[in-house]
Amino acid sequence: MSGELSAAIERTLHLESDAIRELADTCRIEQVQQVIDAIQACTGKVVTSGCGTSGTAARKIAHTLSCVECPALFLEPADAVHGGLGVVQPGDVVILFTKGGQTEEMTSLVAPCQAKGAVVVGVTQNPESDLGRTADILLEVRTGREPDPFNMLATASILGVLAMFDAITIELMQLRGFTKAQFALIHPGGAVGKRLNAGG
């Protein structure tokens, strides 16, 4: 490869960075605030779930929330409908991720979670979908076209979801006065732990 980026690589990087940057203008502020308020008011834990690439994002988001003392876990969709829903309890916030909002594994979890007394947040690009219409809180995360030639591979859209929940997490850190000392206590390992516990 020469010293210049190929057209496909350059186009992908630009489209994905644009997708995240545009979220600041396209997101529905009232929806974002509802999610923040629900997590703030949560008396239990946050449970995330999703299939495929959305599931990978849901796992990462649960970990990020836990890193700031917001207890969260990922619920495997296949396990959920075979008894795994027992982890959901009254006072929990359940966040379900599906780009199109019609993924059956996600839509089938809404009613049982609500019946158990959890608040259900639906994260989707399609507010008219089954998830968008039945969730207690809708968070619409729209990022436009995917960079691949078929507009099919969940890349820019997933980065948008991750960026949105990074922003929500950092807002929660500020609202809760989360300190470096707290971070050091729960993150003693690795280079980050060494830096925190050395006062760096």
N, C-alpha and C. Protein backbone atom coordinates (compact mmCIF):
# COMPACT_ATOMS: atom_id res chain seq x y z
N MET A 1 0.85 -1.19 0.00
CA MET A 1 0.00 0.00 0.00
C MET A 1 0.89 1.24 0.00
N SER A 2 0.49 2.25 -0.74
CA SER A 2 1.27 3.49 -0.81
C SER A 2 1.08 4.29 0.47
N GLY A 3 1.68 5.48 0.48
CA GLY A 3 1.58 6.32 1.66
C GLY A 3 0.23 6.99 1.83
N GLU A 4 -0.68 6.83 0.86
CA GLU A 4 -2.00 7.46 0.95
C GLU A 4 -3.07 6.43 1.28
N LEU A 5 -4.08 6.86 2.01
CA LEU A 5 -5.20 5.99 2.32
C LEU A 5 -5.99 5.68 1.05
N SER A 6 -6.51 4.46 0.96
CA SER A 6 -7.38 4.14 -0.17
C SER A 6 -8.66 4.95 -0.06
N ALA A 7 -9.37 5.07 -1.17
CA ALA A 7 -10.61 5.84 -1.17
C ALA A 7 -11.64 5.24 -0.21
N ALA A 8 -11.69 3.89 -0.15
CA ALA A 8 -12.68 3.24 0.72
C ALA A 8 -12.38 3.50 2.19
N ILE A 9 -11.10 3.42 2.56
CA ILE A 9 -10.74 3.66 3.96
C ILE A 9 -11.00 5.11 4.33
N GLU A 10 -10.61 6.02 3.49
CA GLU A 10 -10.81 7.44 3.79
C GLU A 10 -12.29 7.77 3.89
N ARG A 11 -13.09 7.22 2.97
CA ARG A 11 -14.53 7.47 2.98
C ARG A 11 -15.17 6.92 4.25
N THR A 12 -14.77 5.71 4.65
CA THR A 12 -15.33 5.10 5.85
C THR A 12 -15.02 5.92 7.09
N LEU A 13 -13.78 6.35 7.23
CA LEU A 13 -13.38 7.13 8.39
C LEU A 13 -14.14 8.45 8.45
N HIS A 14 -14.31 9.09 7.30
CA HIS A 14 -15.04 10.36 7.27
C HIS A 14 -16.52 10.15 7.61
N LEU A 15 -17.13 9.12 7.01
CA LEU A 15 -18.56 8.88 7.26
C LEU A 15 -18.82 8.53 8.72
N GLU A 16 -17.95 7.73 9.31
CA GLU A 16 -18.17 7.33 10.69
C GLU A 16 -17.94 8.48 11.66
N SER A 17 -16.92 9.30 11.40
CA SER A 17 -16.70 10.45 12.28
C SER A 17 -17.83 11.47 12.12
N ASP A 18 -18.33 11.63 10.89
CA ASP A 18 -19.45 12.55 10.66
C ASP A 18 -20.70 12.06 11.38
N ALA A 19 -20.92 10.74 11.37
CA ALA A 19 -22.11 10.17 12.01
C ALA A 19 -22.14 10.50 13.49
N ILE A 20 -21.00 10.40 14.15
CA ILE A 20 -20.95 10.72 15.58
C ILE A 20 -21.11 12.21 15.81
N ARG A 21 -20.43 13.01 15.00
CA ARG A 21 -20.49 14.46 15.17
C ARG A 21 -21.91 14.98 14.99
N GLU A 22 -22.65 14.41 14.04
CA GLU A 22 -24.00 14.89 13.74
C GLU A 22 -25.01 14.55 14.82
N LEU A 23 -24.68 13.57 15.68
CA LEU A 23 -25.62 13.19 16.75
C LEU A 23 -25.94 14.36 17.67
N ALA A 24 -24.97 15.24 17.87
CA ALA A 24 -25.21 16.39 18.74
C ALA A 24 -26.34 17.26 18.23
N ASP A 25 -26.56 17.25 16.91
CA ASP A 25 -27.62 18.05 16.31
C ASP A 25 -28.89 17.27 16.05
N THR A 26 -28.77 15.94 15.84
CA THR A 26 -29.94 15.17 15.44
C THR A 26 -30.62 14.44 16.59
N CYS A 27 -29.93 14.27 17.71
CA CYS A 27 -30.56 13.51 18.81
C CYS A 27 -31.70 14.32 19.43
N ARG A 28 -32.66 13.61 20.00
CA ARG A 28 -33.78 14.24 20.68
C ARG A 28 -33.39 14.46 22.13
N ILE A 29 -33.16 15.71 22.49
CA ILE A 29 -32.65 16.03 23.82
C ILE A 29 -33.57 15.50 24.92
N GLU A 30 -34.88 15.59 24.70
CA GLU A 30 -35.82 15.15 25.74
C GLU A 30 -35.72 13.64 25.95
N GLN A 31 -35.44 12.90 24.88
CA GLN A 31 -35.28 11.45 25.01
C GLN A 31 -34.01 11.11 25.80
N VAL A 32 -32.92 11.79 25.46
CA VAL A 32 -31.66 11.57 26.17
C VAL A 32 -31.84 11.87 27.66
N GLN A 33 -32.54 12.97 27.96
CA GLN A 33 -32.76 13.35 29.35
C GLN A 33 -33.62 12.31 30.07
N GLN A 34 -34.60 11.73 29.37
CA GLN A 34 -35.43 10.69 29.99
C GLN A 34 -34.59 9.48 30.39
N VAL A 35 -33.64 9.11 29.53
CA VAL A 35 -32.77 7.98 29.85
C VAL A 35 -31.90 8.30 31.06
N ILE A 36 -31.33 9.50 31.08
CA ILE A 36 -30.51 9.93 32.21
C ILE A 36 -31.33 9.93 33.50
N ASP A 37 -32.54 10.48 33.42
CA ASP A 37 -33.40 10.53 34.61
C ASP A 37 -33.76 9.12 35.10
N ALA A 38 -34.01 8.21 34.16
CA ALA A 38 -34.37 6.83 34.55
C ALA A 38 -33.21 6.15 35.25
N ILE A 39 -32.01 6.33 34.75
CA ILE A 39 -30.84 5.71 35.39
C ILE A 39 -30.56 6.37 36.74
N GLN A 40 -30.75 7.68 36.80
CA GLN A 40 -30.56 8.39 38.07
C GLN A 40 -31.54 7.90 39.13
N ALA A 41 -32.77 7.62 38.70
CA ALA A 41 -33.81 7.20 39.64
C ALA A 41 -33.79 5.69 39.91
N CYS A 42 -32.95 4.96 39.20
CA CYS A 42 -32.92 3.51 39.30
C CYS A 42 -32.54 3.07 40.72
N THR A 43 -33.37 2.24 41.32
CA THR A 43 -33.10 1.73 42.66
C THR A 43 -32.50 0.32 42.62
N GLY A 44 -32.38 -0.22 41.41
CA GLY A 44 -31.79 -1.55 41.25
C GLY A 44 -30.53 -1.46 40.41
N LYS A 45 -30.56 -2.10 39.27
CA LYS A 45 -29.41 -2.12 38.38
C LYS A 45 -29.87 -1.85 36.95
N VAL A 46 -28.91 -1.65 36.07
CA VAL A 46 -29.20 -1.51 34.65
C VAL A 46 -28.90 -2.84 33.98
N VAL A 47 -29.84 -3.30 33.17
CA VAL A 47 -29.66 -4.54 32.40
C VAL A 47 -29.71 -4.18 30.92
N THR A 48 -28.68 -4.56 30.18
CA THR A 48 -28.67 -4.29 28.74
C THR A 48 -28.81 -5.59 27.96
N SER A 49 -29.36 -5.50 26.75
CA SER A 49 -29.47 -6.68 25.92
C SER A 49 -29.55 -6.29 24.46
N GLY A 50 -29.05 -7.15 23.60
CA GLY A 50 -29.10 -6.92 22.16
C GLY A 50 -28.56 -8.15 21.46
N CYS A 51 -28.85 -8.26 20.17
CA CYS A 51 -28.38 -9.38 19.37
C CYS A 51 -27.31 -8.92 18.39
N GLY A 52 -26.41 -9.82 18.03
CA GLY A 52 -25.40 -9.50 17.03
C GLY A 52 -24.54 -8.31 17.43
N THR A 53 -24.34 -7.39 16.49
CA THR A 53 -23.52 -6.21 16.76
C THR A 53 -24.13 -5.35 17.85
N SER A 54 -25.45 -5.28 17.89
CA SER A 54 -26.11 -4.53 18.96
C SER A 54 -25.82 -5.15 20.32
N GLY A 55 -25.70 -6.48 20.35
CA GLY A 55 -25.35 -7.15 21.59
C GLY A 55 -23.94 -6.82 22.04
N THR A 56 -23.02 -6.71 21.08
CA THR A 56 -21.65 -6.33 21.41
C THR A 56 -21.63 -4.93 22.01
N ALA A 57 -22.41 -4.01 21.41
CA ALA A 57 -22.51 -2.66 21.96
C ALA A 57 -23.14 -2.67 23.34
N ALA A 58 -24.16 -3.48 23.53
CA ALA A 58 -24.85 -3.56 24.83
C ALA A 58 -23.91 -4.05 25.92
N ARG A 59 -23.04 -5.02 25.60
CA ARG A 59 -22.06 -5.51 26.57
C ARG A 59 -21.10 -4.39 26.98
N LYS A 60 -20.62 -3.66 25.99
CA LYS A 60 -19.67 -2.59 26.27
C LYS A 60 -20.32 -1.50 27.12
N ILE A 61 -21.56 -1.16 26.82
CA ILE A 61 -22.26 -0.11 27.55
C ILE A 61 -22.49 -0.53 29.00
N ALA A 62 -22.83 -1.80 29.23
CA ALA A 62 -22.99 -2.28 30.61
C ALA A 62 -21.68 -2.15 31.38
N HIS A 63 -20.59 -2.49 30.73
CA HIS A 63 -19.28 -2.38 31.38
C HIS A 63 -18.94 -0.92 31.69
N THR A 64 -19.19 -0.03 30.73
CA THR A 64 -18.89 1.39 30.93
C THR A 64 -19.68 1.96 32.10
N LEU A 65 -20.96 1.62 32.19
CA LEU A 65 -21.78 2.10 33.31
C LEU A 65 -21.25 1.56 34.64
N SER A 66 -20.88 0.30 34.67
CA SER A 66 -20.35 -0.29 35.90
C SER A 66 -19.06 0.41 36.33
N CYS A 67 -18.28 0.87 35.35
CA CYS A 67 -17.01 1.54 35.65
C CYS A 67 -17.19 2.86 36.40
N VAL A 68 -18.41 3.40 36.40
CA VAL A 68 -18.67 4.65 37.12
C VAL A 68 -19.67 4.42 38.25
N GLU A 69 -19.61 3.20 38.82
CA GLU A 69 -20.45 2.85 39.98
C GLU A 69 -21.94 2.89 39.68
N CYS A 70 -22.29 2.56 38.43
CA CYS A 70 -23.70 2.40 38.05
C CYS A 70 -23.86 0.92 37.73
N PRO A 71 -24.24 0.09 38.69
CA PRO A 71 -24.25 -1.36 38.50
C PRO A 71 -25.05 -1.77 37.26
N ALA A 72 -24.40 -2.50 36.37
CA ALA A 72 -25.03 -2.89 35.12
C ALA A 72 -24.51 -4.25 34.69
N LEU A 73 -25.34 -4.99 33.95
CA LEU A 73 -24.93 -6.28 33.41
C LEU A 73 -25.60 -6.51 32.07
N PHE A 74 -25.00 -7.39 31.28
CA PHE A 74 -25.55 -7.76 29.98
C PHE A 74 -26.34 -9.05 30.14
N LEU A 75 -27.55 -9.07 29.57
CA LEU A 75 -28.39 -10.26 29.58
C LEU A 75 -28.42 -10.86 28.18
N GLU A 76 -27.92 -12.08 28.07
CA GLU A 76 -27.91 -12.78 26.79
C GLU A 76 -29.34 -13.06 26.35
N PRO A 77 -29.75 -12.59 25.15
CA PRO A 77 -31.15 -12.75 24.72
C PRO A 77 -31.63 -14.20 24.72
N ALA A 78 -30.78 -15.12 24.27
CA ALA A 78 -31.19 -16.52 24.22
C ALA A 78 -31.44 -17.08 25.61
N ASP A 79 -30.67 -16.61 26.59
CA ASP A 79 -30.87 -17.07 27.97
C ASP A 79 -32.08 -16.41 28.60
N ALA A 80 -32.37 -15.17 28.19
CA ALA A 80 -33.43 -14.39 28.83
C ALA A 80 -34.76 -15.11 28.81
N VAL A 81 -35.12 -15.66 27.65
CA VAL A 81 -36.44 -16.30 27.52
C VAL A 81 -36.45 -17.73 28.03
N HIS A 82 -35.33 -18.18 28.59
CA HIS A 82 -35.28 -19.52 29.18
C HIS A 82 -34.89 -19.44 30.66
N GLY A 83 -35.42 -18.41 31.31
CA GLY A 83 -35.22 -18.27 32.75
C GLY A 83 -34.30 -17.14 33.15
N GLY A 84 -33.50 -16.66 32.19
CA GLY A 84 -32.57 -15.58 32.51
C GLY A 84 -33.25 -14.29 32.93
N LEU A 85 -34.54 -14.14 32.57
CA LEU A 85 -35.27 -12.93 32.97
C LEU A 85 -35.41 -12.81 34.48
N GLY A 86 -35.08 -13.87 35.20
CA GLY A 86 -35.12 -13.81 36.65
C GLY A 86 -34.17 -12.78 37.22
N VAL A 87 -33.17 -12.37 36.43
CA VAL A 87 -32.23 -11.36 36.90
C VAL A 87 -32.87 -9.98 36.95
N VAL A 88 -33.94 -9.77 36.19
CA VAL A 88 -34.64 -8.48 36.16
C VAL A 88 -35.58 -8.39 37.36
N GLN A 89 -35.43 -7.30 38.12
CA GLN A 89 -36.22 -7.12 39.33
C GLN A 89 -36.86 -5.74 39.34
N PRO A 90 -37.87 -5.53 40.19
CA PRO A 90 -38.50 -4.21 40.30
C PRO A 90 -37.44 -3.15 40.62
N GLY A 91 -37.55 -2.01 39.96
CA GLY A 91 -36.60 -0.92 40.18
C GLY A 91 -35.43 -0.93 39.21
N ASP A 92 -35.32 -2.00 38.40
CA ASP A 92 -34.26 -2.06 37.39
C ASP A 92 -34.61 -1.20 36.18
N VAL A 93 -33.60 -0.86 35.42
CA VAL A 93 -33.78 -0.23 34.10
C VAL A 93 -33.22 -1.22 33.07
N VAL A 94 -34.05 -1.62 32.13
CA VAL A 94 -33.65 -2.57 31.09
C VAL A 94 -33.52 -1.80 29.78
N ILE A 95 -32.33 -1.85 29.17
CA ILE A 95 -32.08 -1.13 27.92
C ILE A 95 -31.91 -2.14 26.80
N LEU A 96 -32.81 -2.10 25.84
CA LEU A 96 -32.81 -3.04 24.72
C LEU A 96 -32.37 -2.34 23.45
N PHE A 97 -31.42 -2.95 22.74
CA PHE A 97 -30.82 -2.35 21.56
C PHE A 97 -31.17 -3.15 20.30
N THR A 98 -31.75 -2.49 19.32
CA THR A 98 -31.98 -3.09 18.02
C THR A 98 -32.16 -1.97 17.00
N LYS A 99 -31.31 -1.96 15.99
CA LYS A 99 -31.32 -0.86 15.02
C LYS A 99 -32.70 -0.68 14.38
N GLY A 100 -33.28 -1.76 13.89
CA GLY A 100 -34.57 -1.66 13.20
C GLY A 100 -35.77 -1.68 14.13
N GLY A 101 -35.55 -2.10 15.37
CA GLY A 101 -36.64 -2.10 16.35
C GLY A 101 -37.60 -3.26 16.23
N GLN A 102 -37.29 -4.23 15.37
CA GLN A 102 -38.21 -5.35 15.15
C GLN A 102 -37.61 -6.69 15.55
N THR A 103 -36.39 -6.69 16.08
CA THR A 103 -35.75 -7.96 16.44
C THR A 103 -36.59 -8.69 17.48
N GLU A 104 -37.07 -9.88 17.12
CA GLU A 104 -38.02 -10.59 17.97
C GLU A 104 -37.47 -10.87 19.36
N GLU A 105 -36.17 -11.20 19.43
CA GLU A 105 -35.58 -11.50 20.73
C GLU A 105 -35.67 -10.31 21.67
N MET A 106 -35.67 -9.10 21.12
CA MET A 106 -35.77 -7.89 21.94
C MET A 106 -37.23 -7.53 22.23
N THR A 107 -38.06 -7.54 21.21
CA THR A 107 -39.45 -7.14 21.42
C THR A 107 -40.18 -8.09 22.37
N SER A 108 -39.75 -9.35 22.40
CA SER A 108 -40.42 -10.32 23.29
C SER A 108 -40.06 -10.10 24.75
N LEU A 109 -39.03 -9.27 25.02
CA LEU A 109 -38.63 -9.03 26.40
C LEU A 109 -39.37 -7.85 27.04
N VAL A 110 -39.99 -7.01 26.22
CA VAL A 110 -40.57 -5.78 26.74
C VAL A 110 -41.65 -6.06 27.79
N ALA A 111 -42.68 -6.81 27.41
CA ALA A 111 -43.82 -7.04 28.32
C ALA A 111 -43.41 -7.74 29.62
N PRO A 112 -42.59 -8.81 29.57
CA PRO A 112 -42.19 -9.45 30.83
C PRO A 112 -41.40 -8.52 31.75
N CYS A 113 -40.52 -7.71 31.17
CA CYS A 113 -39.73 -6.78 31.99
C CYS A 113 -40.63 -5.73 32.63
N GLN A 114 -41.59 -5.22 31.86
CA GLN A 114 -42.52 -4.25 32.41
C GLN A 114 -43.38 -4.88 33.50
N ALA A 115 -43.81 -6.12 33.29
CA ALA A 115 -44.64 -6.81 34.28
C ALA A 115 -43.87 -7.04 35.58
N LYS A 116 -42.54 -7.13 35.48
CA LYS A 116 -41.71 -7.34 36.67
C LYS A 116 -41.37 -6.03 37.38
N GLY A 117 -41.83 -4.91 36.83
CA GLY A 117 -41.62 -3.63 37.49
C GLY A 117 -40.37 -2.90 37.07
N ALA A 118 -39.79 -3.29 35.92
CA ALA A 118 -38.62 -2.60 35.39
C ALA A 118 -39.04 -1.54 34.39
N VAL A 119 -38.22 -0.51 34.25
CA VAL A 119 -38.42 0.50 33.21
C VAL A 119 -37.67 0.04 31.97
N VAL A 120 -38.36 0.00 30.83
CA VAL A 120 -37.75 -0.49 29.59
C VAL A 120 -37.41 0.68 28.68
N VAL A 121 -36.13 0.76 28.31
CA VAL A 121 -35.65 1.76 27.35
C VAL A 121 -35.40 1.05 26.03
N GLY A 122 -35.99 1.54 24.96
CA GLY A 122 -35.77 0.97 23.64
C GLY A 122 -34.86 1.88 22.83
N VAL A 123 -33.72 1.36 22.39
CA VAL A 123 -32.77 2.14 21.60
C VAL A 123 -32.82 1.63 20.17
N THR A 124 -33.27 2.47 19.26
CA THR A 124 -33.50 2.07 17.88
C THR A 124 -33.45 3.27 16.95
N GLN A 125 -33.31 3.00 15.66
CA GLN A 125 -33.42 4.08 14.67
C GLN A 125 -34.86 4.26 14.20
N ASN A 126 -35.74 3.35 14.59
CA ASN A 126 -37.10 3.34 14.06
C ASN A 126 -38.13 3.53 15.18
N PRO A 127 -38.58 4.76 15.39
CA PRO A 127 -39.53 5.01 16.48
C PRO A 127 -40.89 4.36 16.26
N GLU A 128 -41.22 4.01 15.02
CA GLU A 128 -42.52 3.38 14.73
C GLU A 128 -42.45 1.87 14.81
N SER A 129 -41.32 1.34 15.18
CA SER A 129 -41.15 -0.11 15.29
C SER A 129 -41.87 -0.65 16.52
N ASP A 130 -41.91 -1.97 16.63
CA ASP A 130 -42.54 -2.59 17.80
C ASP A 130 -41.84 -2.14 19.08
N LEU A 131 -40.51 -2.13 19.07
CA LEU A 131 -39.78 -1.70 20.27
C LEU A 131 -40.02 -0.23 20.55
N GLY A 132 -39.98 0.59 19.50
CA GLY A 132 -40.18 2.02 19.67
C GLY A 132 -41.54 2.36 20.26
N ARG A 133 -42.56 1.57 19.91
CA ARG A 133 -43.92 1.85 20.37
C ARG A 133 -44.23 1.28 21.74
N THR A 134 -43.52 0.22 22.13
CA THR A 134 -43.89 -0.46 23.38
C THR A 134 -42.96 -0.15 24.56
N ALA A 135 -41.77 0.32 24.29
CA ALA A 135 -40.84 0.64 25.38
C ALA A 135 -41.38 1.81 26.21
N ASP A 136 -41.03 1.84 27.48
CA ASP A 136 -41.45 2.96 28.33
C ASP A 136 -40.76 4.25 27.90
N ILE A 137 -39.51 4.13 27.48
CA ILE A 137 -38.73 5.28 27.02
C ILE A 137 -38.11 4.92 25.68
N LEU A 138 -38.28 5.78 24.70
CA LEU A 138 -37.66 5.59 23.39
C LEU A 138 -36.42 6.48 23.30
N LEU A 139 -35.30 5.89 22.88
CA LEU A 139 -34.12 6.67 22.55
C LEU A 139 -33.78 6.40 21.10
N GLU A 140 -34.08 7.37 20.27
CA GLU A 140 -33.83 7.23 18.84
C GLU A 140 -32.41 7.70 18.53
N VAL A 141 -31.59 6.79 18.02
CA VAL A 141 -30.22 7.13 17.65
C VAL A 141 -30.08 6.89 16.15
N ARG A 142 -30.08 7.98 15.40
CA ARG A 142 -30.07 7.91 13.95
C ARG A 142 -28.74 8.41 13.42
N THR A 143 -28.09 7.61 12.58
CA THR A 143 -26.78 8.02 12.07
C THR A 143 -26.70 8.01 10.54
N GLY A 144 -27.81 7.81 9.87
CA GLY A 144 -27.79 7.85 8.41
C GLY A 144 -27.18 6.59 7.81
N ARG A 145 -26.48 6.76 6.71
CA ARG A 145 -25.98 5.65 5.91
C ARG A 145 -24.78 4.96 6.55
N GLU A 146 -24.76 3.63 6.41
CA GLU A 146 -23.57 2.87 6.78
C GLU A 146 -22.53 3.03 5.67
N PRO A 147 -21.24 2.97 5.98
CA PRO A 147 -20.21 3.21 4.97
C PRO A 147 -20.07 2.12 3.90
N ASP A 148 -20.52 0.89 4.18
CA ASP A 148 -20.29 -0.19 3.22
C ASP A 148 -21.13 0.00 1.96
N PRO A 149 -20.75 -0.62 0.86
CA PRO A 149 -21.45 -0.41 -0.42
C PRO A 149 -22.93 -0.78 -0.40
N PHE A 150 -23.32 -1.69 0.49
CA PHE A 150 -24.71 -2.16 0.52
C PHE A 150 -25.55 -1.44 1.58
N ASN A 151 -24.93 -0.56 2.36
CA ASN A 151 -25.62 0.12 3.46
C ASN A 151 -26.26 -0.89 4.41
N MET A 152 -25.51 -1.94 4.72
CA MET A 152 -26.04 -3.03 5.52
C MET A 152 -25.24 -3.31 6.79
N LEU A 153 -23.92 -3.16 6.73
CA LEU A 153 -23.05 -3.55 7.84
C LEU A 153 -23.15 -2.53 8.97
N ALA A 154 -23.55 -3.00 10.14
CA ALA A 154 -23.76 -2.09 11.28
C ALA A 154 -22.41 -1.58 11.79
N THR A 155 -22.01 -0.45 11.29
CA THR A 155 -20.72 0.15 11.66
C THR A 155 -20.93 1.56 12.19
N ALA A 156 -21.26 2.50 11.33
CA ALA A 156 -21.51 3.88 11.78
C ALA A 156 -22.66 3.92 12.79
N SER A 157 -23.68 3.11 12.57
CA SER A 157 -24.83 3.12 13.48
C SER A 157 -24.45 2.65 14.88
N ILE A 158 -23.60 1.62 14.98
CA ILE A 158 -23.18 1.13 16.28
C ILE A 158 -22.24 2.11 16.96
N LEU A 159 -21.37 2.74 16.19
CA LEU A 159 -20.50 3.76 16.77
C LEU A 159 -21.34 4.90 17.35
N GLY A 160 -22.44 5.23 16.66
CA GLY A 160 -23.33 6.27 17.16
C GLY A 160 -23.96 5.89 18.49
N VAL A 161 -24.41 4.65 18.61
CA VAL A 161 -25.00 4.16 19.87
C VAL A 161 -23.97 4.19 20.99
N LEU A 162 -22.77 3.71 20.70
CA LEU A 162 -21.70 3.71 21.70
C LEU A 162 -21.36 5.13 22.15
N ALA A 163 -21.25 6.04 21.18
CA ALA A 163 -20.92 7.43 21.51
C ALA A 163 -22.01 8.06 22.36
N MET A 164 -23.27 7.78 22.03
CA MET A 164 -24.37 8.34 22.79
C MET A 164 -24.33 7.88 24.25
N PHE A 165 -24.06 6.59 24.47
CA PHE A 165 -24.01 6.10 25.85
C PHE A 165 -22.72 6.47 26.55
N ASP A 166 -21.65 6.72 25.81
CA ASP A 166 -20.46 7.32 26.44
C ASP A 166 -20.82 8.69 26.99
N ALA A 167 -21.55 9.47 26.17
CA ALA A 167 -21.94 10.82 26.59
C ALA A 167 -22.88 10.76 27.80
N ILE A 168 -23.83 9.83 27.78
CA ILE A 168 -24.76 9.67 28.90
C ILE A 168 -24.00 9.28 30.17
N THR A 169 -23.04 8.37 30.03
CA THR A 169 -22.25 7.93 31.18
C THR A 169 -21.46 9.08 31.79
N ILE A 170 -20.84 9.89 30.95
CA ILE A 170 -20.04 11.01 31.45
C ILE A 170 -20.94 12.06 32.11
N GLU A 171 -22.13 12.25 31.57
CA GLU A 171 -23.08 13.15 32.21
C GLU A 171 -23.46 12.62 33.60
N LEU A 172 -23.67 11.30 33.69
CA LEU A 172 -24.00 10.70 34.98
C LEU A 172 -22.85 10.86 35.98
N MET A 173 -21.61 10.72 35.50
CA MET A 173 -20.46 10.93 36.36
C MET A 173 -20.49 12.32 36.99
N GLN A 174 -20.80 13.30 36.18
CA GLN A 174 -20.81 14.68 36.66
C GLN A 174 -21.98 14.92 37.61
N LEU A 175 -23.15 14.39 37.27
CA LEU A 175 -24.33 14.57 38.11
C LEU A 175 -24.14 13.93 39.48
N ARG A 176 -23.42 12.83 39.52
CA ARG A 176 -23.24 12.09 40.77
C ARG A 176 -21.97 12.47 41.51
N GLY A 177 -21.18 13.36 40.93
CA GLY A 177 -19.94 13.77 41.57
C GLY A 177 -18.95 12.62 41.70
N PHE A 178 -18.91 11.78 40.69
CA PHE A 178 -18.02 10.61 40.70
C PHE A 178 -16.57 11.08 40.76
N THR A 179 -15.80 10.50 41.68
CA THR A 179 -14.45 10.98 41.94
C THR A 179 -13.38 10.02 41.42
N LYS A 180 -12.17 10.55 41.30
CA LYS A 180 -11.03 9.73 40.91
C LYS A 180 -10.76 8.67 41.98
N ALA A 181 -11.01 8.99 43.24
CA ALA A 181 -10.83 8.01 44.31
C ALA A 181 -11.77 6.83 44.15
N GLN A 182 -13.01 7.09 43.75
CA GLN A 182 -13.96 6.01 43.49
C GLN A 182 -13.48 5.14 42.34
N PHE A 183 -12.99 5.80 41.30
CA PHE A 183 -12.51 5.08 40.14
C PHE A 183 -11.33 4.18 40.51
N ALA A 184 -10.43 4.70 41.33
CA ALA A 184 -9.26 3.93 41.75
C ALA A 184 -9.67 2.68 42.52
N LEU A 185 -10.73 2.80 43.32
CA LEU A 185 -11.18 1.68 44.14
C LEU A 185 -11.70 0.53 43.30
N ILE A 186 -12.41 0.83 42.22
CA ILE A 186 -13.02 -0.22 41.41
C ILE A 186 -12.19 -0.59 40.19
N HIS A 187 -11.09 0.12 39.97
CA HIS A 187 -10.25 -0.16 38.80
C HIS A 187 -8.78 -0.26 39.21
N PRO A 188 -8.45 -1.25 40.07
CA PRO A 188 -7.07 -1.34 40.55
C PRO A 188 -6.11 -1.98 39.56
N GLY A 189 -6.65 -2.61 38.52
CA GLY A 189 -5.79 -3.36 37.60
C GLY A 189 -5.31 -2.58 36.40
N GLY A 190 -4.25 -3.10 35.76
CA GLY A 190 -3.76 -2.54 34.51
C GLY A 190 -3.09 -1.21 34.66
N ALA A 191 -2.75 -0.62 33.51
CA ALA A 191 -2.07 0.67 33.50
C ALA A 191 -2.93 1.77 34.12
N VAL A 192 -4.24 1.69 33.87
CA VAL A 192 -5.15 2.70 34.44
C VAL A 192 -5.11 2.62 35.96
N GLY A 193 -5.18 1.40 36.51
CA GLY A 193 -5.15 1.23 37.96
C GLY A 193 -3.86 1.74 38.57
N LYS A 194 -2.74 1.45 37.91
CA LYS A 194 -1.44 1.93 38.42
C LYS A 194 -1.40 3.45 38.44
N ARG A 195 -1.92 4.06 37.37
CA ARG A 195 -1.91 5.52 37.30
C ARG A 195 -2.81 6.14 38.35
N LEU A 196 -4.01 5.55 38.54
CA LEU A 196 -4.93 6.09 39.51
C LEU A 196 -4.38 5.98 40.94
N ASN A 197 -3.82 4.81 41.25
CA ASN A 197 -3.35 4.58 42.60
C ASN A 197 -1.99 5.22 42.89
N ALA A 198 -1.35 5.73 41.82
CA ALA A 198 -0.13 6.48 42.01
C ALA A 198 -0.41 7.97 42.11
N GLY A 199 -1.71 8.29 41.95
CA GLY A 199 -2.11 9.71 42.01
C GLY A 199 -1.86 10.45 40.72
N GLY A 200 -1.67 9.69 39.57
CA GLY A 200 -1.39 10.35 38.30
C GLY A 200 -2.63 10.72 37.54
